[in-house]
PDB file of N, CA and C in Angstrom:
ATOM      1  N   MET A   1      11.297  30.355   8.173  1.00  0.00           N
ATOM      2  CA  MET A   1       9.875  30.621   8.026  1.00  0.00           C
ATOM      3  C   MET A   1       9.519  31.773   8.976  1.00  0.00           C
ATOM      4  N   ASP A   2       8.976  32.822   8.412  1.00  0.00           N
ATOM      5  CA  ASP A   2       8.607  33.955   9.251  1.00  0.00           C
ATOM      6  C   ASP A   2       7.174  33.794   9.767  1.00  0.00           C
ATOM      7  N   ILE A   3       6.788  34.684  10.655  1.00  0.00           N
ATOM      8  CA  ILE A   3       5.486  34.595  11.320  1.00  0.00           C
ATOM      9  C   ILE A   3       4.338  34.754  10.324  1.00  0.00           C
ATOM     10  N   ASP A   4       4.500  35.648   9.346  1.00  0.00           N
ATOM     11  CA  ASP A   4       3.440  35.861   8.360  1.00  0.00           C
ATOM     12  C   ASP A   4       3.205  34.605   7.529  1.00  0.00           C
ATOM     13  N   MET A   5       4.273  33.945   7.141  1.00  0.00           N
ATOM     14  CA  MET A   5       4.145  32.707   6.365  1.00  0.00           C
ATOM     15  C   MET A   5       3.490  31.606   7.198  1.00  0.00           C
ATOM     16  N   LEU A   6       3.870  31.502   8.462  1.00  0.00           N
ATOM     17  CA  LEU A   6       3.257  30.524   9.354  1.00  0.00           C
ATOM     18  C   LEU A   6       1.776  30.822   9.556  1.00  0.00           C
ATOM     19  N   PHE A   7       1.436  32.100   9.694  1.00  0.00           N
ATOM     20  CA  PHE A   7       0.040  32.504   9.845  1.00  0.00           C
ATOM     21  C   PHE A   7      -0.770  32.102   8.609  1.00  0.00           C
ATOM     22  N   ARG A   8      -0.248  32.390   7.424  1.00  0.00           N
ATOM     23  CA  ARG A   8      -0.948  32.021   6.191  1.00  0.00           C
ATOM     24  C   ARG A   8      -1.076  30.508   6.046  1.00  0.00           C
ATOM     25  N   PHE A   9      -0.012  29.780   6.419  1.00  0.00           N
ATOM     26  CA  PHE A   9      -0.064  28.317   6.352  1.00  0.00           C
ATOM     27  C   PHE A   9      -1.156  27.764   7.267  1.00  0.00           C
ATOM     28  N   LEU A  10      -1.200  28.251   8.501  1.00  0.00           N
ATOM     29  CA  LEU A  10      -2.210  27.774   9.441  1.00  0.00           C
ATOM     30  C   LEU A  10      -3.619  28.175   9.009  1.00  0.00           C
ATOM     31  N   ALA A  11      -3.762  29.362   8.428  1.00  0.00           N
ATOM     32  CA  ALA A  11      -5.076  29.800   7.958  1.00  0.00           C
ATOM     33  C   ALA A  11      -5.564  28.912   6.812  1.00  0.00           C
ATOM     34  N   TRP A  12      -4.693  28.619   5.852  1.00  0.00           N
ATOM     35  CA  TRP A  12      -5.078  27.734   4.763  1.00  0.00           C
ATOM     36  C   TRP A  12      -5.344  26.309   5.265  1.00  0.00           C
ATOM     37  N   SER A  13      -4.524  25.851   6.178  1.00  0.00           N
ATOM     38  CA  SER A  13      -4.722  24.527   6.754  1.00  0.00           C
ATOM     39  C   SER A  13      -6.064  24.447   7.478  1.00  0.00           C
ATOM     40  N   LEU A  14      -6.397  25.487   8.215  1.00  0.00           N
ATOM     41  CA  LEU A  14      -7.680  25.539   8.912  1.00  0.00           C
ATOM     42  C   LEU A  14      -8.828  25.510   7.920  1.00  0.00           C
ATOM     43  N   ALA A  15      -8.743  26.309   6.857  1.00  0.00           N
ATOM     44  CA  ALA A  15      -9.806  26.347   5.851  1.00  0.00           C
ATOM     45  C   ALA A  15      -9.977  24.992   5.166  1.00  0.00           C
ATOM     46  N   ILE A  16      -8.876  24.364   4.804  1.00  0.00           N
ATOM     47  CA  ILE A  16      -8.953  23.067   4.134  1.00  0.00           C
ATOM     48  C   ILE A  16      -9.522  22.007   5.068  1.00  0.00           C
ATOM     49  N   ASN A  17      -9.060  21.989   6.314  1.00  0.00           N
ATOM     50  CA  ASN A  17      -9.543  20.989   7.260  1.00  0.00           C
ATOM     51  C   ASN A  17     -11.021  21.166   7.585  1.00  0.00           C
ATOM     52  N   TYR A  18     -11.470  22.411   7.756  1.00  0.00           N
ATOM     53  CA  TYR A  18     -12.899  22.615   7.985  1.00  0.00           C
ATOM     54  C   TYR A  18     -13.709  22.318   6.732  1.00  0.00           C
ATOM     55  N   GLY A  19     -13.123  22.503   5.543  1.00  0.00           N
ATOM     56  CA  GLY A  19     -13.782  22.091   4.311  1.00  0.00           C
ATOM     57  C   GLY A  19     -13.964  20.584   4.248  1.00  0.00           C
ATOM     58  N   VAL A  20     -12.928  19.851   4.646  1.00  0.00           N
ATOM     59  CA  VAL A  20     -13.033  18.385   4.706  1.00  0.00           C
ATOM     60  C   VAL A  20     -14.108  17.969   5.711  1.00  0.00           C
ATOM     61  N   LEU A  21     -14.127  18.616   6.856  1.00  0.00           N
ATOM     62  CA  LEU A  21     -15.130  18.306   7.874  1.00  0.00           C
ATOM     63  C   LEU A  21     -16.537  18.608   7.372  1.00  0.00           C
ATOM     64  N   LEU A  22     -16.712  19.727   6.682  1.00  0.00           N
ATOM     65  CA  LEU A  22     -18.017  20.084   6.138  1.00  0.00           C
ATOM     66  C   LEU A  22     -18.440  19.097   5.060  1.00  0.00           C
ATOM     67  N   LEU A  23     -17.515  18.703   4.194  1.00  0.00           N
ATOM     68  CA  LEU A  23     -17.815  17.707   3.167  1.00  0.00           C
ATOM     69  C   LEU A  23     -18.209  16.372   3.790  1.00  0.00           C
ATOM     70  N   TRP A  24     -17.501  15.970   4.825  1.00  0.00           N
ATOM     71  CA  TRP A  24     -17.814  14.728   5.536  1.00  0.00           C
ATOM     72  C   TRP A  24     -19.214  14.806   6.134  1.00  0.00           C
ATOM     73  N   PHE A  25     -19.549  15.931   6.759  1.00  0.00           N
ATOM     74  CA  PHE A  25     -20.866  16.099   7.360  1.00  0.00           C
ATOM     75  C   PHE A  25     -21.968  16.066   6.300  1.00  0.00           C
ATOM     76  N   ILE A  26     -21.751  16.763   5.181  1.00  0.00           N
ATOM     77  CA  ILE A  26     -22.754  16.782   4.113  1.00  0.00           C
ATOM     78  C   ILE A  26     -22.942  15.389   3.537  1.00  0.00           C
ATOM     79  N   ALA A  27     -21.851  14.677   3.317  1.00  0.00           N
ATOM     80  CA  ALA A  27     -21.947  13.302   2.816  1.00  0.00           C
ATOM     81  C   ALA A  27     -22.657  12.415   3.825  1.00  0.00           C
ATOM     82  N   PHE A  28     -22.388  12.620   5.104  1.00  0.00           N
ATOM     83  CA  PHE A  28     -23.024  11.805   6.131  1.00  0.00           C
ATOM     84  C   PHE A  28     -24.531  12.064   6.191  1.00  0.00           C
ATOM     85  N   VAL A  29     -24.930  13.311   6.016  1.00  0.00           N
ATOM     86  CA  VAL A  29     -26.356  13.654   6.085  1.00  0.00           C
ATOM     87  C   VAL A  29     -27.097  13.212   4.828  1.00  0.00           C
ATOM     88  N   PHE A  30     -26.549  13.534   3.667  1.00  0.00           N
ATOM     89  CA  PHE A  30     -27.279  13.300   2.428  1.00  0.00           C
ATOM     90  C   PHE A  30     -27.001  11.953   1.773  1.00  0.00           C
ATOM     91  N   ALA A  31     -25.919  11.298   2.112  1.00  0.00           N
ATOM     92  CA  ALA A  31     -25.602   9.990   1.531  1.00  0.00           C
ATOM     93  C   ALA A  31     -25.451   8.949   2.632  1.00  0.00           C
ATOM     94  N   HIS A  32     -26.201   9.107   3.702  1.00  0.00           N
ATOM     95  CA  HIS A  32     -26.091   8.215   4.865  1.00  0.00           C
ATOM     96  C   HIS A  32     -26.337   6.762   4.483  1.00  0.00           C
ATOM     97  N   ASP A  33     -27.412   6.510   3.744  1.00  0.00           N
ATOM     98  CA  ASP A  33     -27.747   5.128   3.402  1.00  0.00           C
ATOM     99  C   ASP A  33     -26.700   4.499   2.495  1.00  0.00           C
ATOM    100  N   TRP A  34     -26.201   5.280   1.538  1.00  0.00           N
ATOM    101  CA  TRP A  34     -25.162   4.762   0.651  1.00  0.00           C
ATOM    102  C   TRP A  34     -23.893   4.444   1.437  1.00  0.00           C
ATOM    103  N   MET A  35     -23.496   5.355   2.324  1.00  0.00           N
ATOM    104  CA  MET A  35     -22.294   5.120   3.141  1.00  0.00           C
ATOM    105  C   MET A  35     -22.496   3.905   4.040  1.00  0.00           C
ATOM    106  N   ARG A  36     -23.672   3.782   4.602  1.00  0.00           N
ATOM    107  CA  ARG A  36     -23.969   2.652   5.487  1.00  0.00           C
ATOM    108  C   ARG A  36     -23.887   1.338   4.721  1.00  0.00           C
ATOM    109  N   THR A  37     -24.428   1.325   3.503  1.00  0.00           N
ATOM    110  CA  THR A  37     -24.376   0.121   2.672  1.00  0.00           C
ATOM    111  C   THR A  37     -22.936  -0.218   2.289  1.00  0.00           C
ATOM    112  N   LEU A  38     -22.180   0.805   1.916  1.00  0.00           N
ATOM    113  CA  LEU A  38     -20.779   0.587   1.540  1.00  0.00           C
ATOM    114  C   LEU A  38     -19.974   0.028   2.711  1.00  0.00           C
ATOM    115  N   HIS A  39     -20.098   0.643   3.877  1.00  0.00           N
ATOM    116  CA  HIS A  39     -19.368   0.148   5.042  1.00  0.00           C
ATOM    117  C   HIS A  39     -19.935  -1.176   5.546  1.00  0.00           C
ATOM    118  N   GLY A  40     -21.221  -1.396   5.322  1.00  0.00           N
ATOM    119  CA  GLY A  40     -21.843  -2.652   5.735  1.00  0.00           C
ATOM    120  C   GLY A  40     -21.301  -3.856   4.995  1.00  0.00           C
ATOM    121  N   ARG A  41     -20.741  -3.628   3.823  1.00  0.00           N
ATOM    122  CA  ARG A  41     -20.128  -4.739   3.083  1.00  0.00           C
ATOM    123  C   ARG A  41     -18.856  -5.215   3.758  1.00  0.00           C
ATOM    124  N   TRP A  42     -18.159  -4.313   4.425  1.00  0.00           N
ATOM    125  CA  TRP A  42     -16.883  -4.645   5.056  1.00  0.00           C
ATOM    126  C   TRP A  42     -17.028  -5.017   6.518  1.00  0.00           C
ATOM    127  N   PHE A  43     -17.931  -4.317   7.211  1.00  0.00           N
ATOM    128  CA  PHE A  43     -18.071  -4.501   8.663  1.00  0.00           C
ATOM    129  C   PHE A  43     -19.533  -4.769   8.997  1.00  0.00           C
ATOM    130  N   LYS A  44     -19.751  -5.685   9.879  1.00  0.00           N
ATOM    131  CA  LYS A  44     -21.112  -5.990  10.330  1.00  0.00           C
ATOM    132  C   LYS A  44     -21.404  -5.182  11.595  1.00  0.00           C
ATOM    133  N   ILE A  45     -21.933  -3.971  11.410  1.00  0.00           N
ATOM    134  CA  ILE A  45     -22.250  -3.106  12.542  1.00  0.00           C
ATOM    135  C   ILE A  45     -23.676  -2.594  12.391  1.00  0.00           C
ATOM    136  N   SER A  46     -24.272  -2.243  13.502  1.00  0.00           N
ATOM    137  CA  SER A  46     -25.638  -1.730  13.488  1.00  0.00           C
ATOM    138  C   SER A  46     -25.645  -0.268  13.041  1.00  0.00           C
ATOM    139  N   ASP A  47     -26.844   0.238  12.744  1.00  0.00           N
ATOM    140  CA  ASP A  47     -26.973   1.646  12.345  1.00  0.00           C
ATOM    141  C   ASP A  47     -26.547   2.581  13.463  1.00  0.00           C
ATOM    142  N   GLU A  48     -26.893   2.244  14.699  1.00  0.00           N
ATOM    143  CA  GLU A  48     -26.521   3.086  15.835  1.00  0.00           C
ATOM    144  C   GLU A  48     -25.011   3.134  16.023  1.00  0.00           C
ATOM    145  N   THR A  49     -24.358   1.998  15.853  1.00  0.00           N
ATOM    146  CA  THR A  49     -22.905   1.949  15.972  1.00  0.00           C
ATOM    147  C   THR A  49     -22.245   2.735  14.845  1.00  0.00           C
ATOM    148  N   PHE A  50     -22.771   2.599  13.648  1.00  0.00           N
ATOM    149  CA  PHE A  50     -22.254   3.344  12.496  1.00  0.00           C
ATOM    150  C   PHE A  50     -22.361   4.845  12.735  1.00  0.00           C
ATOM    151  N   ASP A  51     -23.526   5.294  13.192  1.00  0.00           N
ATOM    152  CA  ASP A  51     -23.716   6.721  13.476  1.00  0.00           C
ATOM    153  C   ASP A  51     -22.793   7.185  14.598  1.00  0.00           C
ATOM    154  N   GLY A  52     -22.655   6.380  15.629  1.00  0.00           N
ATOM    155  CA  GLY A  52     -21.789   6.729  16.754  1.00  0.00           C
ATOM    156  C   GLY A  52     -20.326   6.827  16.362  1.00  0.00           C
ATOM    157  N   ILE A  53     -19.878   5.920  15.501  1.00  0.00           N
ATOM    158  CA  ILE A  53     -18.486   5.951  15.035  1.00  0.00           C
ATOM    159  C   ILE A  53     -18.228   7.236  14.246  1.00  0.00           C
ATOM    160  N   HIS A  54     -19.147   7.581  13.349  1.00  0.00           N
ATOM    161  CA  HIS A  54     -18.954   8.805  12.554  1.00  0.00           C
ATOM    162  C   HIS A  54     -19.054  10.051  13.415  1.00  0.00           C
ATOM    163  N   TYR A  55     -19.978  10.075  14.348  1.00  0.00           N
ATOM    164  CA  TYR A  55     -20.116  11.229  15.235  1.00  0.00           C
ATOM    165  C   TYR A  55     -18.851  11.406  16.077  1.00  0.00           C
ATOM    166  N   GLY A  56     -18.351  10.319  16.632  1.00  0.00           N
ATOM    167  CA  GLY A  56     -17.123  10.382  17.432  1.00  0.00           C
ATOM    168  C   GLY A  56     -15.914  10.763  16.615  1.00  0.00           C
ATOM    169  N   ALA A  57     -15.821  10.225  15.396  1.00  0.00           N
ATOM    170  CA  ALA A  57     -14.679  10.548  14.538  1.00  0.00           C
ATOM    171  C   ALA A  57     -14.722  12.010  14.096  1.00  0.00           C
ATOM    172  N   MET A  58     -15.916  12.516  13.788  1.00  0.00           N
ATOM    173  CA  MET A  58     -16.036  13.929  13.426  1.00  0.00           C
ATOM    174  C   MET A  58     -15.664  14.825  14.601  1.00  0.00           C
ATOM    175  N   SER A  59     -16.065  14.434  15.793  1.00  0.00           N
ATOM    176  CA  SER A  59     -15.714  15.210  16.983  1.00  0.00           C
ATOM    177  C   SER A  59     -14.211  15.203  17.226  1.00  0.00           C
ATOM    178  N   ALA A  60     -13.586  14.054  17.101  1.00  0.00           N
ATOM    179  CA  ALA A  60     -12.142  13.959  17.292  1.00  0.00           C
ATOM    180  C   ALA A  60     -11.399  14.769  16.234  1.00  0.00           C
ATOM    181  N   TYR A  61     -11.858  14.712  14.997  1.00  0.00           N
ATOM    182  CA  TYR A  61     -11.239  15.472  13.910  1.00  0.00           C
ATOM    183  C   TYR A  61     -11.366  16.968  14.164  1.00  0.00           C
ATOM    184  N   LYS A  62     -12.566  17.382  14.595  1.00  0.00           N
ATOM    185  CA  LYS A  62     -12.790  18.808  14.859  1.00  0.00           C
ATOM    186  C   LYS A  62     -11.926  19.300  16.016  1.00  0.00           C
ATOM    187  N   LEU A  63     -11.814  18.512  17.064  1.00  0.00           N
ATOM    188  CA  LEU A  63     -10.958  18.903  18.185  1.00  0.00           C
ATOM    189  C   LEU A  63      -9.485  18.958  17.781  1.00  0.00           C
ATOM    190  N   THR A  64      -9.055  18.022  16.964  1.00  0.00           N
ATOM    191  CA  THR A  64      -7.672  18.019  16.493  1.00  0.00           C
ATOM    192  C   THR A  64      -7.378  19.256  15.655  1.00  0.00           C
ATOM    193  N   VAL A  65      -8.294  19.590  14.753  1.00  0.00           N
ATOM    194  CA  VAL A  65      -8.127  20.794  13.944  1.00  0.00           C
ATOM    195  C   VAL A  65      -8.135  22.031  14.840  1.00  0.00           C
ATOM    196  N   PHE A  66      -9.008  22.045  15.816  1.00  0.00           N
ATOM    197  CA  PHE A  66      -9.099  23.189  16.727  1.00  0.00           C
ATOM    198  C   PHE A  66      -7.783  23.404  17.466  1.00  0.00           C
ATOM    199  N   PHE A  67      -7.244  22.336  18.041  1.00  0.00           N
ATOM    200  CA  PHE A  67      -6.043  22.476  18.865  1.00  0.00           C
ATOM    201  C   PHE A  67      -4.761  22.647  18.057  1.00  0.00           C
ATOM    202  N   PHE A  68      -4.694  22.074  16.858  1.00  0.00           N
ATOM    203  CA  PHE A  68      -3.457  22.160  16.085  1.00  0.00           C
ATOM    204  C   PHE A  68      -3.469  23.217  14.993  1.00  0.00           C
ATOM    205  N   ASN A  69      -4.633  23.816  14.689  1.00  0.00           N
ATOM    206  CA  ASN A  69      -4.701  24.878  13.690  1.00  0.00           C
ATOM    207  C   ASN A  69      -5.238  26.183  14.270  1.00  0.00           C
ATOM    208  N   LEU A  70      -6.401  26.121  14.880  1.00  0.00           N
ATOM    209  CA  LEU A  70      -7.059  27.352  15.317  1.00  0.00           C
ATOM    210  C   LEU A  70      -6.376  27.989  16.523  1.00  0.00           C
ATOM    211  N   VAL A  71      -5.990  27.203  17.499  1.00  0.00           N
ATOM    212  CA  VAL A  71      -5.337  27.762  18.689  1.00  0.00           C
ATOM    213  C   VAL A  71      -3.987  28.401  18.337  1.00  0.00           C
ATOM    214  N   PRO A  72      -3.103  27.734  17.567  1.00  0.00           N
ATOM    215  CA  PRO A  72      -1.865  28.421  17.193  1.00  0.00           C
ATOM    216  C   PRO A  72      -2.110  29.652  16.311  1.00  0.00           C
ATOM    217  N   LEU A  73      -3.112  29.566  15.435  1.00  0.00           N
ATOM    218  CA  LEU A  73      -3.446  30.713  14.594  1.00  0.00           C
ATOM    219  C   LEU A  73      -3.895  31.895  15.444  1.00  0.00           C
ATOM    220  N   ALA A  74      -4.744  31.650  16.421  1.00  0.00           N
ATOM    221  CA  ALA A  74      -5.192  32.722  17.316  1.00  0.00           C
ATOM    222  C   ALA A  74      -4.034  33.283  18.142  1.00  0.00           C
ATOM    223  N   ALA A  75      -3.138  32.415  18.589  1.00  0.00           N
ATOM    224  CA  ALA A  75      -1.988  32.873  19.363  1.00  0.00           C
ATOM    225  C   ALA A  75      -1.091  33.778  18.522  1.00  0.00           C
ATOM    226  N   ILE A  76      -0.849  33.395  17.283  1.00  0.00           N
ATOM    227  CA  ILE A  76      -0.035  34.233  16.403  1.00  0.00           C
ATOM    228  C   ILE A  76      -0.734  35.551  16.135  1.00  0.00           C
ATOM    229  N   TYR A  77      -2.040  35.504  15.918  1.00  0.00           N
ATOM    230  CA  TYR A  77      -2.791  36.723  15.661  1.00  0.00           C
ATOM    231  C   TYR A  77      -2.701  37.684  16.844  1.00  0.00           C
ATOM    232  N   PHE A  78      -2.932  37.172  18.060  1.00  0.00           N
ATOM    233  CA  PHE A  78      -2.923  38.028  19.236  1.00  0.00           C
ATOM    234  C   PHE A  78      -1.511  38.527  19.580  1.00  0.00           C
ATOM    235  N   MET A  79      -0.486  37.777  19.201  1.00  0.00           N
ATOM    236  CA  MET A  79       0.885  38.239  19.409  1.00  0.00           C
ATOM    237  C   MET A  79       1.224  39.394  18.474  1.00  0.00           C
ATOM    238  N   SER A  80       0.633  39.390  17.283  1.00  0.00           N
ATOM    239  CA  SER A  80       0.968  40.413  16.308  1.00  0.00           C
ATOM    240  C   SER A  80       0.116  41.667  16.414  1.00  0.00           C
ATOM    241  N   VAL A  81      -0.943  41.617  17.202  1.00  0.00           N
ATOM    242  CA  VAL A  81      -1.824  42.788  17.337  1.00  0.00           C
ATOM    243  C   VAL A  81      -1.264  43.761  18.336  1.00  0.00           C
TER     244      VAL A  81
END
């Protein structure tokens, strides 16, 4: 695997992961009540706990994408410039 292929792989991975994050955020904002009702059938949690779990999970997902996609992508970019 050459550097250009790795760069393209990380760029596509970054785009897909941020797309998933954006979709999750949009669903959380616009379908909050539906998601809360769906999860409420399985788990007995309050609205504040539900919001906190999603906020924390989105933050963890974003940090994971940042450190495993964006940082290596930037390093490859700066090495090739």
